[in-house]
C-alpha atoms as a PDB file:
ATOM      1  CA  MET A   1       0.149  -0.009   0.091  1.00  0.00           C
ATOM      2  CA  ASN A   2       1.166   3.420  -0.469  1.00  0.00           C
ATOM      3  CA  GLU A   3       1.773   5.398   2.378  1.00  0.00           C
ATOM      4  CA  SER A   4       0.356   8.337   1.037  1.00  0.00           C
ATOM      5  CA  GLU A   5      -2.956   6.901   0.907  1.00  0.00           C
ATOM      6  CA  PRO A   6      -5.130   7.651   3.758  1.00  0.00           C
ATOM      7  CA  VAL A   7      -6.110   4.258   5.848  1.00  0.00           C
ATOM      8  CA  VAL A   8     -10.242   3.976   5.891  1.00  0.00           C
ATOM      9  CA  ALA A   9     -11.454   2.575   8.624  1.00  0.00           C
ATOM     10  CA  LEU A  10     -14.226   0.004   8.315  1.00  0.00           C
ATOM     11  CA  SER A  11     -17.208   0.068  10.332  1.00  0.00           C
ATOM     12  CA  GLU A  12     -18.270  -3.289  12.300  1.00  0.00           C
ATOM     13  CA  ALA A  13     -21.140  -3.789   9.853  1.00  0.00           C
ATOM     14  CA  GLU A  14     -18.315  -3.778   7.049  1.00  0.00           C
ATOM     15  CA  ILE A  15     -16.238  -6.084   8.658  1.00  0.00           C
ATOM     16  CA  LYS A  16     -18.599  -8.823   9.289  1.00  0.00           C
ATOM     17  CA  HIS A  17     -19.876  -8.476   5.366  1.00  0.00           C
ATOM     18  CA  GLN A  18     -16.223  -8.458   4.421  1.00  0.00           C
ATOM     19  CA  ARG A  19     -16.260 -11.674   6.314  1.00  0.00           C
ATOM     20  CA  ARG A  20     -19.244 -13.333   5.121  1.00  0.00           C
ATOM     21  CA  LEU A  21     -18.058 -12.338   1.620  1.00  0.00           C
ATOM     22  CA  ALA A  22     -14.765 -14.198   1.805  1.00  0.00           C
ATOM     23  CA  GLN A  23     -16.531 -17.422   3.278  1.00  0.00           C
ATOM     24  CA  TYR A  24     -18.998 -17.283   0.447  1.00  0.00           C
ATOM     25  CA  ARG A  25     -16.232 -17.108  -1.951  1.00  0.00           C
ATOM     26  CA  LYS A  26     -14.152 -19.633  -0.098  1.00  0.00           C
ATOM     27  CA  HIS A  27     -17.325 -22.263  -0.521  1.00  0.00           C
ATOM     28  CA  TYR A  28     -18.807 -21.110  -3.371  1.00  0.00           C
ATOM     29  CA  ASN A  29     -18.693 -24.585  -5.230  1.00  0.00           C
ATOM     30  CA  SER A  30     -20.079 -26.588  -2.283  1.00  0.00           C
ATOM     31  CA  HIS A  31     -22.696 -24.044  -1.802  1.00  0.00           C
ATOM     32  CA  LYS A  32     -23.706 -24.547  -5.533  1.00  0.00           C
ATOM     33  CA  GLU A  33     -23.890 -28.258  -5.664  1.00  0.00           C
ATOM     34  CA  GLN A  34     -25.859 -28.136  -1.864  1.00  0.00           C
ATOM     35  CA  ALA A  35     -28.479 -25.372  -3.817  1.00  0.00           C
ATOM     36  CA  ARG A  36     -28.683 -27.989  -6.813  1.00  0.00           C
ATOM     37  CA  GLU A  37     -29.444 -31.072  -4.710  1.00  0.00           C
ATOM     38  CA  TYR A  38     -32.108 -29.087  -3.097  1.00  0.00           C
ATOM     39  CA  TYR A  39     -33.602 -28.408  -5.823  1.00  0.00           C
ATOM     40  CA  ARG A  40     -33.485 -32.076  -7.140  1.00  0.00           C
ATOM     41  CA  LYS A  41     -35.292 -33.004  -4.229  1.00  0.00           C
ATOM     42  CA  ASN A  42     -37.772 -30.274  -4.372  1.00  0.00           C
ATOM     43  CA  LYS A  43     -38.558 -30.078  -7.801  1.00  0.00           C
ATOM     44  CA  ASP A  44     -42.425 -30.197  -7.250  1.00  0.00           C
ATOM     45  CA  LYS A  45     -42.428 -27.483  -4.682  1.00  0.00           C
ATOM     46  CA  PHE A  46     -40.459 -25.355  -6.831  1.00  0.00           C
ATOM     47  CA  ALA A  47     -42.539 -25.914  -9.800  1.00  0.00           C
ATOM     48  CA  LYS A  48     -45.649 -25.281  -7.784  1.00  0.00           C
ATOM     49  CA  ARG A  49     -44.587 -21.778  -6.632  1.00  0.00           C
ATOM     50  CA  CYS A  50     -43.524 -20.615 -10.184  1.00  0.00           C
ATOM     51  CA  VAL A  51     -46.804 -21.206 -11.530  1.00  0.00           C
ATOM     52  CA  GLU A  52     -48.471 -19.535  -8.200  1.00  0.00           C
ATOM     53  CA  TYR A  53     -45.963 -16.620  -9.150  1.00  0.00           C
ATOM     54  CA  ARG A  54     -47.045 -16.436 -12.683  1.00  0.00           C
ATOM     55  CA  LYS A  55     -50.953 -16.454 -12.136  1.00  0.00           C
ATOM     56  CA  LYS A  56     -49.917 -13.503  -9.757  1.00  0.00           C
ATOM     57  CA  ASN A  57     -47.705 -11.768 -11.576  1.00  0.00           C
ATOM     58  CA  PRO A  58     -48.489 -12.329 -15.407  1.00  0.00           C
ATOM     59  CA  GLU A  59     -47.289  -8.806 -16.579  1.00  0.00           C
ATOM     60  CA  ARG A  60     -43.944  -9.036 -14.589  1.00  0.00           C
ATOM     61  CA  HIS A  61     -43.360 -12.730 -15.649  1.00  0.00           C
ATOM     62  CA  ARG A  62     -43.925 -11.779 -19.551  1.00  0.00           C
ATOM     63  CA  GLU A  63     -41.563  -9.037 -18.693  1.00  0.00           C
ATOM     64  CA  ASN A  64     -38.777 -10.867 -17.518  1.00  0.00           C
ATOM     65  CA  ALA A  65     -39.249 -13.347 -20.176  1.00  0.00           C
ATOM     66  CA  ARG A  66     -38.665 -10.551 -23.047  1.00  0.00           C
ATOM     67  CA  ARG A  67     -35.746  -9.304 -21.444  1.00  0.00           C
ATOM     68  CA  GLN A  68     -34.197 -13.065 -21.302  1.00  0.00           C
ATOM     69  CA  TYR A  69     -35.167 -13.316 -24.619  1.00  0.00           C
ATOM     70  CA  ALA A  70     -33.661 -10.356 -25.720  1.00  0.00           C
ATOM     71  CA  LYS A  71     -30.176 -10.746 -24.151  1.00  0.00           C
ATOM     72  CA  ASN A  72     -29.667 -13.675 -26.326  1.00  0.00           C
ATOM     73  CA  PRO A  73     -32.556 -14.703 -28.470  1.00  0.00           C
ATOM     74  CA  ALA A  74     -30.566 -17.761 -30.023  1.00  0.00           C
ATOM     75  CA  ALA A  75     -29.774 -19.567 -26.738  1.00  0.00           C
ATOM     76  CA  ARG A  76     -33.597 -19.215 -25.824  1.00  0.00           C
ATOM     77  CA  ILE A  77     -34.980 -20.553 -28.911  1.00  0.00           C
ATOM     78  CA  ALA A  78     -32.247 -23.627 -28.767  1.00  0.00           C
ATOM     79  CA  SER A  79     -33.289 -24.053 -24.914  1.00  0.00           C
ATOM     80  CA  THR A  80     -37.174 -24.206 -25.701  1.00  0.00           C
ATOM     81  CA  VAL A  81     -36.445 -26.714 -28.807  1.00  0.00           C
ATOM     82  CA  LYS A  82     -34.223 -28.721 -26.902  1.00  0.00           C
ATOM     83  CA  SER A  83     -37.031 -28.529 -23.876  1.00  0.00           C
ATOM     84  CA  GLN A  84     -39.705 -29.776 -26.724  1.00  0.00           C
ATOM     85  CA  LYS A  85     -37.664 -32.058 -27.954  1.00  0.00           C
ATOM     86  CA  LYS A  86     -37.079 -33.929 -24.391  1.00  0.00           C
ATOM     87  CA  HIS A  87     -40.472 -33.848 -23.413  1.00  0.00           C
ATOM     88  CA  ALA A  88     -42.384 -34.161 -26.642  1.00  0.00           C
ATOM     89  CA  ALA A  89     -44.036 -37.480 -25.356  1.00  0.00           C
ATOM     90  CA  LYS A  90     -45.513 -35.935 -21.914  1.00  0.00           C
ATOM     91  CA  ARG A  91     -46.366 -32.269 -23.988  1.00  0.00           C
ATOM     92  CA  ALA A  92     -48.483 -34.774 -26.838  1.00  0.00           C
ATOM     93  CA  ALA A  93     -50.125 -36.572 -23.828  1.00  0.00           C
ATOM     94  CA  TYR A  94     -50.950 -33.386 -21.917  1.00  0.00           C
ATOM     95  CA  MET A  95     -52.556 -31.412 -24.874  1.00  0.00           C
ATOM     96  CA  LEU A  96     -54.567 -34.688 -26.050  1.00  0.00           C
ATOM     97  CA  ALA A  97     -56.037 -34.814 -22.244  1.00  0.00           C
ATOM     98  CA  TRP A  98     -56.720 -31.023 -22.611  1.00  0.00           C
ATOM     99  CA  ARG A  99     -58.892 -30.793 -25.482  1.00  0.00           C
ATOM    100  CA  ALA A 100     -60.713 -34.335 -24.713  1.00  0.00           C
ATOM    101  CA  LYS A 101     -61.486 -31.760 -21.226  1.00  0.00           C
ATOM    102  CA  ASN A 102     -62.163 -28.815 -23.018  1.00  0.00           C
ATOM    103  CA  LYS A 103     -63.740 -29.799 -26.239  1.00  0.00           C
ATOM    104  CA  GLU A 104     -66.834 -27.695 -26.174  1.00  0.00           C
ATOM    105  CA  HIS A 105     -64.316 -24.349 -25.290  1.00  0.00           C
ATOM    106  CA  LEU A 106     -61.810 -25.524 -28.167  1.00  0.00           C
ATOM    107  CA  LEU A 107     -65.127 -25.840 -30.836  1.00  0.00           C
ATOM    108  CA  ARG A 108     -66.525 -22.527 -29.513  1.00  0.00           C
ATOM    109  CA  TYR A 109     -63.082 -20.655 -29.977  1.00  0.00           C
ATOM    110  CA  TYR A 110     -62.153 -22.027 -33.428  1.00  0.00           C
ATOM    111  CA  HIS A 111     -65.799 -21.314 -34.871  1.00  0.00           C
ATOM    112  CA  GLU A 112     -65.511 -17.850 -33.462  1.00  0.00           C
ATOM    113  CA  LYS A 113     -62.024 -17.351 -35.254  1.00  0.00           C
ATOM    114  CA  ARG A 114     -62.290 -18.748 -38.199  1.00  0.00           C
ATOM    115  CA  VAL A 115     -64.747 -16.049 -39.493  1.00  0.00           C
ATOM    116  CA  THR A 116     -62.141 -13.756 -38.827  1.00  0.00           C
ATOM    117  CA  PRO A 117     -59.726 -12.634 -42.133  1.00  0.00           C
ATOM    118  CA  GLU A 118     -56.899 -12.532 -39.818  1.00  0.00           C
ATOM    119  CA  TRP A 119     -57.614 -16.438 -38.890  1.00  0.00           C
ATOM    120  CA  LYS A 120     -57.908 -17.064 -42.639  1.00  0.00           C
ATOM    121  CA  ILE A 121     -54.929 -15.613 -43.904  1.00  0.00           C
ATOM    122  CA  ARG A 122     -52.970 -17.638 -41.191  1.00  0.00           C
ATOM    123  CA  ALA A 123     -54.484 -20.697 -42.129  1.00  0.00           C
ATOM    124  CA  ILE A 124     -53.740 -20.422 -45.832  1.00  0.00           C
ATOM    125  CA  GLN A 125     -50.164 -19.259 -44.891  1.00  0.00           C
ATOM    126  CA  ALA A 126     -49.935 -22.309 -42.949  1.00  0.00           C
ATOM    127  CA  HIS A 127     -51.074 -24.544 -45.737  1.00  0.00           C
ATOM    128  CA  HIS A 128     -48.893 -23.118 -48.228  1.00  0.00           C
ATOM    129  CA  LYS A 129     -45.914 -23.519 -45.736  1.00  0.00           C
ATOM    130  CA  ARG A 130     -46.048 -26.520 -44.962  1.00  0.00           C
ATOM    131  CA  THR A 131     -46.543 -27.648 -48.500  1.00  0.00           C
ATOM    132  CA  ALA A 132     -43.592 -25.700 -49.427  1.00  0.00           C
ATOM    133  CA  LEU A 133     -41.498 -27.554 -46.733  1.00  0.00           C
ATOM    134  CA  LYS A 134     -42.696 -31.075 -47.706  1.00  0.00           C
ATOM    135  CA  ASN A 135     -41.393 -30.486 -51.218  1.00  0.00           C
ATOM    136  CA  LYS A 136     -38.196 -28.465 -50.254  1.00  0.00           C
ATOM    137  CA  CYS A 137     -39.132 -25.192 -51.759  1.00  0.00           C
ATOM    138  CA  GLU A 138     -37.765 -22.094 -50.510  1.00  0.00           C
ATOM    139  CA  VAL A 139     -40.019 -19.883 -48.213  1.00  0.00           C
ATOM    140  CA  ARG A 140     -39.650 -16.167 -48.366  1.00  0.00           C
ATOM    141  CA  ALA A 141     -43.118 -15.015 -48.124  1.00  0.00           C
ATOM    142  CA  THR A 142     -44.774 -14.137 -44.877  1.00  0.00           C
ATOM    143  CA  LYS A 143     -48.056 -13.787 -43.559  1.00  0.00           C
ATOM    144  CA  THR A 144     -48.275 -10.013 -44.003  1.00  0.00           C
ATOM    145  CA  ASP A 145     -47.018 -10.080 -47.672  1.00  0.00           C
ATOM    146  CA  LEU A 146     -49.942 -12.987 -48.622  1.00  0.00           C
ATOM    147  CA  LYS A 147     -52.668 -10.227 -46.922  1.00  0.00           C
ATOM    148  CA  LYS A 148     -51.152  -7.387 -48.683  1.00  0.00           C
ATOM    149  CA  PHE A 149     -51.410  -9.418 -52.033  1.00  0.00           C
ATOM    150  CA  LEU A 150     -55.025 -10.443 -51.749  1.00  0.00           C
ATOM    151  CA  GLU A 151     -55.898  -6.838 -50.739  1.00  0.00           C
ATOM    152  CA  SER A 152     -54.153  -5.568 -53.915  1.00  0.00           C
ATOM    153  CA  ALA A 153     -55.415  -8.358 -56.303  1.00  0.00           C
ATOM    154  CA  THR A 154     -57.922  -6.936 -58.848  1.00  0.00           C
ATOM    155  CA  HIS A 155     -58.577 -10.006 -61.248  1.00  0.00           C
ATOM    156  CA  CYS A 156     -58.114 -13.410 -62.107  1.00  0.00           C
ATOM    157  CA  HIS A 157     -54.249 -14.068 -63.757  1.00  0.00           C
ATOM    158  CA  TYR A 158     -55.516 -17.005 -65.638  1.00  0.00           C
ATOM    159  CA  CYS A 159     -59.777 -15.991 -66.991  1.00  0.00           C
ATOM    160  CA  GLY A 160     -59.367 -11.966 -66.588  1.00  0.00           C
ATOM    161  CA  THR A 161     -62.656 -11.901 -64.154  1.00  0.00           C
ATOM    162  CA  ASN A 162     -62.942  -9.449 -61.411  1.00  0.00           C
ATOM    163  CA  LYS A 163     -66.277 -10.878 -60.193  1.00  0.00           C
ATOM    164  CA  ALA A 164     -65.385 -13.717 -58.391  1.00  0.00           C
ATOM    165  CA  LYS A 165     -63.302 -14.070 -55.179  1.00  0.00           C
ATOM    166  CA  LEU A 166     -59.956 -14.529 -55.444  1.00  0.00           C
ATOM    167  CA  THR A 167     -57.295 -16.547 -53.836  1.00  0.00           C
ATOM    168  CA  VAL A 168     -53.352 -16.949 -54.234  1.00  0.00           C
ATOM    169  CA  ASP A 169     -52.194 -19.251 -56.654  1.00  0.00           C
ATOM    170  CA  HIS A 170     -48.369 -20.196 -57.350  1.00  0.00           C
ATOM    171  CA  PHE A 171     -47.697 -19.737 -60.845  1.00  0.00           C
ATOM    172  CA  VAL A 172     -45.184 -22.371 -61.045  1.00  0.00           C
ATOM    173  CA  PRO A 173     -46.372 -25.182 -58.635  1.00  0.00           C
ATOM    174  CA  LEU A 174     -45.024 -25.715 -55.213  1.00  0.00           C
ATOM    175  CA  SER A 175     -44.676 -29.313 -56.316  1.00  0.00           C
ATOM    176  CA  LYS A 176     -42.650 -28.642 -59.383  1.00  0.00           C
ATOM    177  CA  GLY A 177     -40.105 -26.550 -57.268  1.00  0.00           C
ATOM    178  CA  GLY A 178     -41.735 -23.199 -57.083  1.00  0.00           C
ATOM    179  CA  ALA A 179     -41.160 -20.979 -54.275  1.00  0.00           C
ATOM    180  CA  HIS A 180     -43.621 -19.562 -51.784  1.00  0.00           C
ATOM    181  CA  ALA A 181     -42.360 -16.336 -52.295  1.00  0.00           C
ATOM    182  CA  LEU A 182     -44.074 -13.015 -53.768  1.00  0.00           C
ATOM    183  CA  GLU A 183     -42.791 -12.762 -57.289  1.00  0.00           C
ATOM    184  CA  ASN A 184     -44.551 -16.413 -57.456  1.00  0.00           C
ATOM    185  CA  PHE A 185     -47.977 -15.277 -56.234  1.00  0.00           C
ATOM    186  CA  VAL A 186     -50.802 -14.871 -58.919  1.00  0.00           C
ATOM    187  CA  PRO A 187     -54.392 -14.010 -58.101  1.00  0.00           C
ATOM    188  CA  ALA A 188     -56.845 -16.581 -59.163  1.00  0.00           C
ATOM    189  CA  CYS A 189     -60.418 -17.254 -58.788  1.00  0.00           C
ATOM    190  CA  LYS A 190     -61.327 -20.176 -57.001  1.00  0.00           C
ATOM    191  CA  SER A 191     -62.310 -22.116 -60.019  1.00  0.00           C
ATOM    192  CA  CYS A 192     -59.104 -21.454 -61.958  1.00  0.00           C
ATOM    193  CA  ASN A 193     -57.055 -22.453 -59.086  1.00  0.00           C
ATOM    194  CA  SER A 194     -58.977 -25.623 -58.511  1.00  0.00           C
ATOM    195  CA  SER A 195     -58.436 -26.622 -61.952  1.00  0.00           C
ATOM    196  CA  LYS A 196     -54.969 -25.946 -62.854  1.00  0.00           C
ATOM    197  CA  ARG A 197     -54.077 -27.444 -59.881  1.00  0.00           C
ATOM    198  CA  ASP A 198     -50.185 -28.417 -60.243  1.00  0.00           C
ATOM    199  CA  ARG A 199     -50.159 -28.142 -63.989  1.00  0.00           C
ATOM    200  CA  ASP A 200     -47.550 -26.072 -66.155  1.00  0.00           C
ATOM    201  CA  PRO A 201     -49.217 -22.396 -66.116  1.00  0.00           C
ATOM    202  CA  HIS A 202     -48.837 -21.969 -69.827  1.00  0.00           C
ATOM    203  CA  GLU A 203     -50.307 -25.636 -70.578  1.00  0.00           C
ATOM    204  CA  PHE A 204     -53.406 -24.708 -68.303  1.00  0.00           C
ATOM    205  CA  MET A 205     -53.795 -20.925 -69.790  1.00  0.00           C
ATOM    206  CA  ARG A 206     -53.583 -22.824 -73.432  1.00  0.00           C
ATOM    207  CA  SER A 207     -56.468 -25.028 -71.929  1.00  0.00           C
ATOM    208  CA  ILE A 208     -58.674 -22.551 -71.414  1.00  0.00           C
ATOM    209  CA  GLY A 209     -58.116 -20.938 -74.314  1.00  0.00           C
ATOM    210  CA  ARG A 210     -56.126 -17.513 -72.848  1.00  0.00           C
ATOM    211  CA  LEU A 211     -53.075 -18.467 -74.801  1.00  0.00           C
ATOM    212  CA  LEU A 212     -52.049 -19.884 -78.170  1.00  0.00           C
END
């Protein structure tokens, strides 16, 4: 110590704190192992306490979850995926039991949701995304892209009608390697979309007399 530096006298409370801190650092690993062992023996107790806390403090719990995710999103996603794989059978059994118990509630919920435009867009996006992934096609379009495309569509790309309800069709079919992307979308009436199926677009347009 430099002789010019003043010596600061610690209070009795500060001395006790320094001693406790030194003891904690000395036995850190043993304390950590004891804590882990206590947790392993009392998992149910901790789980119950966590559930009660979440019910009493939903907003605080959500805020903590958002903060933890913002710190390291990749780690949080990896942890969630790992947990889902580890407990896949348990989660499936729980969901089956829950659905059986709440059948009327689910039917009412789906009936109410399916009539909303947001639900329909979500269902269309999910269907096309599953098909694209099944056929190992590129997926670039989002639910928002799909919604904006349908809102801006004015007439059927194949027959030209502007009176029928329009749907999204993939100009190059997903089964033929077409991408689920905005540049591969064309508006089509339900009749043309159903008739075209996964045929070549030019072949289909020739069959309806729209292309020589």
